[in-house]
C-alpha atoms as a PDB file:
ATOM      1  CA  UNK A   1       0.000   0.000   0.000  1.00  0.00           C
ATOM      2  CA  UNK A   2       1.326   3.430  -0.951  1.00  0.00           C
ATOM      3  CA  UNK A   3       1.972   5.704   2.054  1.00  0.00           C
ATOM      4  CA  UNK A   4      -0.128   8.411   0.401  1.00  0.00           C
ATOM      5  CA  UNK A   5      -3.189   6.119   0.662  1.00  0.00           C
ATOM      6  CA  UNK A   6      -2.713   5.200   4.338  1.00  0.00           C
ATOM      7  CA  UNK A   7      -5.371   6.972   6.412  1.00  0.00           C
ATOM      8  CA  UNK A   8      -4.141   9.019   9.356  1.00  0.00           C
ATOM      9  CA  UNK A   9      -6.397   8.973  12.395  1.00  0.00           C
ATOM     10  CA  UNK A  10      -6.417  12.186  14.388  1.00  0.00           C
ATOM     11  CA  UNK A  11      -6.519  11.257  18.048  1.00  0.00           C
ATOM     12  CA  UNK A  12      -9.044  12.768  20.409  1.00  0.00           C
ATOM     13  CA  UNK A  13      -8.049  14.887  23.387  1.00  0.00           C
ATOM     14  CA  UNK A  14      -8.853  11.944  25.702  1.00  0.00           C
ATOM     15  CA  UNK A  15      -6.899   9.470  23.509  1.00  0.00           C
ATOM     16  CA  UNK A  16      -3.858  11.760  23.701  1.00  0.00           C
ATOM     17  CA  UNK A  17      -4.048  11.999  27.506  1.00  0.00           C
ATOM     18  CA  UNK A  18      -4.455   8.208  27.747  1.00  0.00           C
ATOM     19  CA  UNK A  19      -1.327   7.611  25.646  1.00  0.00           C
ATOM     20  CA  UNK A  20       0.600  10.195  27.673  1.00  0.00           C
ATOM     21  CA  UNK A  21      -0.523   8.552  30.932  1.00  0.00           C
ATOM     22  CA  UNK A  22       0.488   5.093  29.661  1.00  0.00           C
ATOM     23  CA  UNK A  23       4.005   6.209  28.718  1.00  0.00           C
ATOM     24  CA  UNK A  24       6.846   7.360  30.960  1.00  0.00           C
ATOM     25  CA  UNK A  25       9.514   8.949  28.752  1.00  0.00           C
ATOM     26  CA  UNK A  26       9.172  11.817  26.309  1.00  0.00           C
ATOM     27  CA  UNK A  27      11.244  14.419  24.544  1.00  0.00           C
ATOM     28  CA  UNK A  28      10.965  17.918  25.990  1.00  0.00           C
ATOM     29  CA  UNK A  29      11.586  20.769  23.551  1.00  0.00           C
ATOM     30  CA  UNK A  30      12.477  24.233  24.859  1.00  0.00           C
ATOM     31  CA  UNK A  31      14.338  27.253  23.516  1.00  0.00           C
ATOM     32  CA  UNK A  32      17.716  27.864  25.167  1.00  0.00           C
ATOM     33  CA  UNK A  33      19.807  30.890  24.234  1.00  0.00           C
ATOM     34  CA  UNK A  34      17.698  31.494  21.139  1.00  0.00           C
ATOM     35  CA  UNK A  35      17.822  27.987  19.679  1.00  0.00           C
ATOM     36  CA  UNK A  36      15.742  24.834  20.185  1.00  0.00           C
ATOM     37  CA  UNK A  37      16.991  22.089  22.501  1.00  0.00           C
ATOM     38  CA  UNK A  38      15.484  18.661  23.079  1.00  0.00           C
ATOM     39  CA  UNK A  39      15.896  16.688  26.299  1.00  0.00           C
ATOM     40  CA  UNK A  40      14.645  13.204  27.181  1.00  0.00           C
ATOM     41  CA  UNK A  41      12.610  13.296  30.392  1.00  0.00           C
ATOM     42  CA  UNK A  42      10.719  10.731  32.382  1.00  0.00           C
ATOM     43  CA  UNK A  43       7.403  12.123  33.538  1.00  0.00           C
ATOM     44  CA  UNK A  44       3.981  11.464  35.031  1.00  0.00           C
ATOM     45  CA  UNK A  45       0.579  12.848  34.122  1.00  0.00           C
ATOM     46  CA  UNK A  46      -0.974  14.659  37.073  1.00  0.00           C
ATOM     47  CA  UNK A  47      -4.348  16.386  36.788  1.00  0.00           C
ATOM     48  CA  UNK A  48      -4.074  16.703  33.007  1.00  0.00           C
ATOM     49  CA  UNK A  49      -0.610  18.217  33.114  1.00  0.00           C
ATOM     50  CA  UNK A  50       2.858  16.710  32.672  1.00  0.00           C
ATOM     51  CA  UNK A  51       5.261  16.729  35.635  1.00  0.00           C
ATOM     52  CA  UNK A  52       8.957  15.890  35.723  1.00  0.00           C
ATOM     53  CA  UNK A  53      11.952  16.439  37.978  1.00  0.00           C
ATOM     54  CA  UNK A  54      15.219  18.059  37.021  1.00  0.00           C
ATOM     55  CA  UNK A  55      18.512  19.379  38.322  1.00  0.00           C
ATOM     56  CA  UNK A  56      19.585  23.010  37.904  1.00  0.00           C
ATOM     57  CA  UNK A  57      20.347  23.747  34.265  1.00  0.00           C
ATOM     58  CA  UNK A  58      18.652  24.367  30.933  1.00  0.00           C
ATOM     59  CA  UNK A  59      15.333  22.643  31.643  1.00  0.00           C
ATOM     60  CA  UNK A  60      14.982  24.386  34.981  1.00  0.00           C
ATOM     61  CA  UNK A  61      16.009  27.732  33.529  1.00  0.00           C
ATOM     62  CA  UNK A  62      13.359  27.387  30.828  1.00  0.00           C
ATOM     63  CA  UNK A  63      10.702  26.459  33.381  1.00  0.00           C
ATOM     64  CA  UNK A  64      11.623  29.281  35.740  1.00  0.00           C
ATOM     65  CA  UNK A  65      11.084  31.725  32.910  1.00  0.00           C
ATOM     66  CA  UNK A  66       7.633  30.161  32.276  1.00  0.00           C
ATOM     67  CA  UNK A  67       8.585  29.646  28.671  1.00  0.00           C
ATOM     68  CA  UNK A  68       6.745  27.809  25.957  1.00  0.00           C
ATOM     69  CA  UNK A  69       7.659  24.126  25.711  1.00  0.00           C
ATOM     70  CA  UNK A  70       6.520  20.957  24.003  1.00  0.00           C
ATOM     71  CA  UNK A  71       6.678  17.295  24.954  1.00  0.00           C
ATOM     72  CA  UNK A  72       6.472  14.575  22.305  1.00  0.00           C
ATOM     73  CA  UNK A  73       5.995  10.835  22.673  1.00  0.00           C
ATOM     74  CA  UNK A  74       5.544   8.189  20.017  1.00  0.00           C
ATOM     75  CA  UNK A  75       5.278   4.471  19.654  1.00  0.00           C
ATOM     76  CA  UNK A  76       4.934   1.532  17.323  1.00  0.00           C
ATOM     77  CA  UNK A  77       3.106  -1.753  17.854  1.00  0.00           C
ATOM     78  CA  UNK A  78       4.612  -4.474  15.621  1.00  0.00           C
ATOM     79  CA  UNK A  79       1.632  -6.775  16.262  1.00  0.00           C
ATOM     80  CA  UNK A  80      -0.828  -4.321  14.698  1.00  0.00           C
ATOM     81  CA  UNK A  81       1.713  -2.447  12.526  1.00  0.00           C
ATOM     82  CA  UNK A  82       0.349   0.825  13.922  1.00  0.00           C
ATOM     83  CA  UNK A  83       2.429   3.874  14.858  1.00  0.00           C
ATOM     84  CA  UNK A  84       1.281   6.867  16.877  1.00  0.00           C
ATOM     85  CA  UNK A  85       2.536  10.234  18.051  1.00  0.00           C
ATOM     86  CA  UNK A  86       1.328  12.759  20.643  1.00  0.00           C
ATOM     87  CA  UNK A  87       2.562  16.339  21.117  1.00  0.00           C
ATOM     88  CA  UNK A  88       1.644  18.503  24.113  1.00  0.00           C
ATOM     89  CA  UNK A  89       2.434  22.216  23.801  1.00  0.00           C
ATOM     90  CA  UNK A  90       2.122  24.763  26.576  1.00  0.00           C
ATOM     91  CA  UNK A  91       3.923  26.701  29.276  1.00  0.00           C
ATOM     92  CA  UNK A  92       6.226  25.412  31.998  1.00  0.00           C
ATOM     93  CA  UNK A  93       6.166  26.329  35.656  1.00  0.00           C
ATOM     94  CA  UNK A  94       8.078  25.336  38.769  1.00  0.00           C
ATOM     95  CA  UNK A  95       6.074  23.263  41.250  1.00  0.00           C
ATOM     96  CA  UNK A  96       6.668  24.871  44.633  1.00  0.00           C
ATOM     97  CA  UNK A  97       3.872  23.372  46.751  1.00  0.00           C
ATOM     98  CA  UNK A  98       5.059  20.336  48.765  1.00  0.00           C
ATOM     99  CA  UNK A  99       1.647  18.652  48.544  1.00  0.00           C
ATOM    100  CA  UNK A 100       1.862  18.854  44.731  1.00  0.00           C
ATOM    101  CA  UNK A 101       5.390  17.426  44.805  1.00  0.00           C
ATOM    102  CA  UNK A 102       4.210  14.586  47.041  1.00  0.00           C
ATOM    103  CA  UNK A 103       1.270  13.911  44.718  1.00  0.00           C
ATOM    104  CA  UNK A 104       3.475  13.486  41.642  1.00  0.00           C
ATOM    105  CA  UNK A 105       5.996  11.427  43.614  1.00  0.00           C
ATOM    106  CA  UNK A 106       3.131   9.141  44.672  1.00  0.00           C
ATOM    107  CA  UNK A 107       2.436   8.545  40.964  1.00  0.00           C
ATOM    108  CA  UNK A 108       5.926   7.060  40.633  1.00  0.00           C
ATOM    109  CA  UNK A 109       7.846  10.101  39.448  1.00  0.00           C
ATOM    110  CA  UNK A 110      11.385   8.965  40.099  1.00  0.00           C
ATOM    111  CA  UNK A 111      14.351  10.277  38.083  1.00  0.00           C
ATOM    112  CA  UNK A 112      16.143   7.748  35.919  1.00  0.00           C
ATOM    113  CA  UNK A 113      19.432   9.620  35.696  1.00  0.00           C
ATOM    114  CA  UNK A 114      21.757   9.603  38.707  1.00  0.00           C
ATOM    115  CA  UNK A 115      22.136  12.789  40.676  1.00  0.00           C
ATOM    116  CA  UNK A 116      19.827  14.990  42.636  1.00  0.00           C
ATOM    117  CA  UNK A 117      16.710  16.090  40.747  1.00  0.00           C
ATOM    118  CA  UNK A 118      15.192  18.265  43.452  1.00  0.00           C
ATOM    119  CA  UNK A 119      13.318  20.660  41.170  1.00  0.00           C
ATOM    120  CA  UNK A 120       9.800  19.787  40.031  1.00  0.00           C
ATOM    121  CA  UNK A 121       8.468  21.204  36.769  1.00  0.00           C
ATOM    122  CA  UNK A 122       4.979  21.136  35.266  1.00  0.00           C
ATOM    123  CA  UNK A 123       4.084  21.503  31.585  1.00  0.00           C
ATOM    124  CA  UNK A 124       0.548  22.861  31.362  1.00  0.00           C
ATOM    125  CA  UNK A 125      -0.718  21.693  27.973  1.00  0.00           C
ATOM    126  CA  UNK A 126      -2.523  24.418  26.061  1.00  0.00           C
ATOM    127  CA  UNK A 127      -2.588  22.374  22.844  1.00  0.00           C
ATOM    128  CA  UNK A 128      -2.629  18.597  22.533  1.00  0.00           C
ATOM    129  CA  UNK A 129      -2.466  16.781  19.204  1.00  0.00           C
ATOM    130  CA  UNK A 130      -1.983  13.192  18.210  1.00  0.00           C
ATOM    131  CA  UNK A 131      -2.202  10.853  15.273  1.00  0.00           C
ATOM    132  CA  UNK A 132      -2.221   7.148  14.620  1.00  0.00           C
ATOM    133  CA  UNK A 133      -1.606   5.333  11.339  1.00  0.00           C
ATOM    134  CA  UNK A 134      -0.834   1.922   9.913  1.00  0.00           C
ATOM    135  CA  UNK A 135       2.743   1.852   8.636  1.00  0.00           C
ATOM    136  CA  UNK A 136       3.819   0.694   5.234  1.00  0.00           C
ATOM    137  CA  UNK A 137       4.900  -2.909   5.114  1.00  0.00           C
ATOM    138  CA  UNK A 138       8.704  -3.007   4.923  1.00  0.00           C
ATOM    139  CA  UNK A 139      10.631  -4.652   2.153  1.00  0.00           C
ATOM    140  CA  UNK A 140      12.300  -7.127   4.515  1.00  0.00           C
ATOM    141  CA  UNK A 141      15.218  -7.679   2.159  1.00  0.00           C
ATOM    142  CA  UNK A 142      16.040  -3.975   1.815  1.00  0.00           C
ATOM    143  CA  UNK A 143      14.914  -2.530   5.148  1.00  0.00           C
ATOM    144  CA  UNK A 144      17.601  -1.748   7.741  1.00  0.00           C
ATOM    145  CA  UNK A 145      17.959  -4.377  10.460  1.00  0.00           C
ATOM    146  CA  UNK A 146      17.206  -1.748  13.144  1.00  0.00           C
ATOM    147  CA  UNK A 147      13.814  -0.819  11.595  1.00  0.00           C
ATOM    148  CA  UNK A 148      11.122  -1.680  14.175  1.00  0.00           C
ATOM    149  CA  UNK A 149       8.718  -2.689  11.392  1.00  0.00           C
ATOM    150  CA  UNK A 150      10.824  -5.786  10.700  1.00  0.00           C
ATOM    151  CA  UNK A 151       9.720  -7.353  14.002  1.00  0.00           C
ATOM    152  CA  UNK A 152       6.332  -8.030  12.416  1.00  0.00           C
ATOM    153  CA  UNK A 153       7.877 -10.282   9.813  1.00  0.00           C
ATOM    154  CA  UNK A 154      10.763 -11.964  11.593  1.00  0.00           C
END
């Protein structure tokens, strides 16, 4: 099937939040010193916002300035040959309230990277978009060995 004929399903607001809640790692995009930067972050969904912990540095600086940010997650299911992507765009803020920090910690927000991550940041999504589509079947003989689509056929 030609990729131009593959229908793309736009995900509902609730579908996007469900996928975000079911995942734990995303890519956070912020502007640092006038250019875009992307950081992997582990996160939790708390009251329809995205919370993560960080050390002092670029992510914290961006959040302290209450700057625009985006978080993207995606996935692929080899059993169904379906890929999906969700992007949350909004503003960041520092979480100061200890009860809020405790609430996100109780959801399992635990930093993966060693070192102290004492600062809590929230991305308040102002726009949430997502899509899902069936991927083209790979040409197993010519597709790179690392291509996740190959798992369906091997």
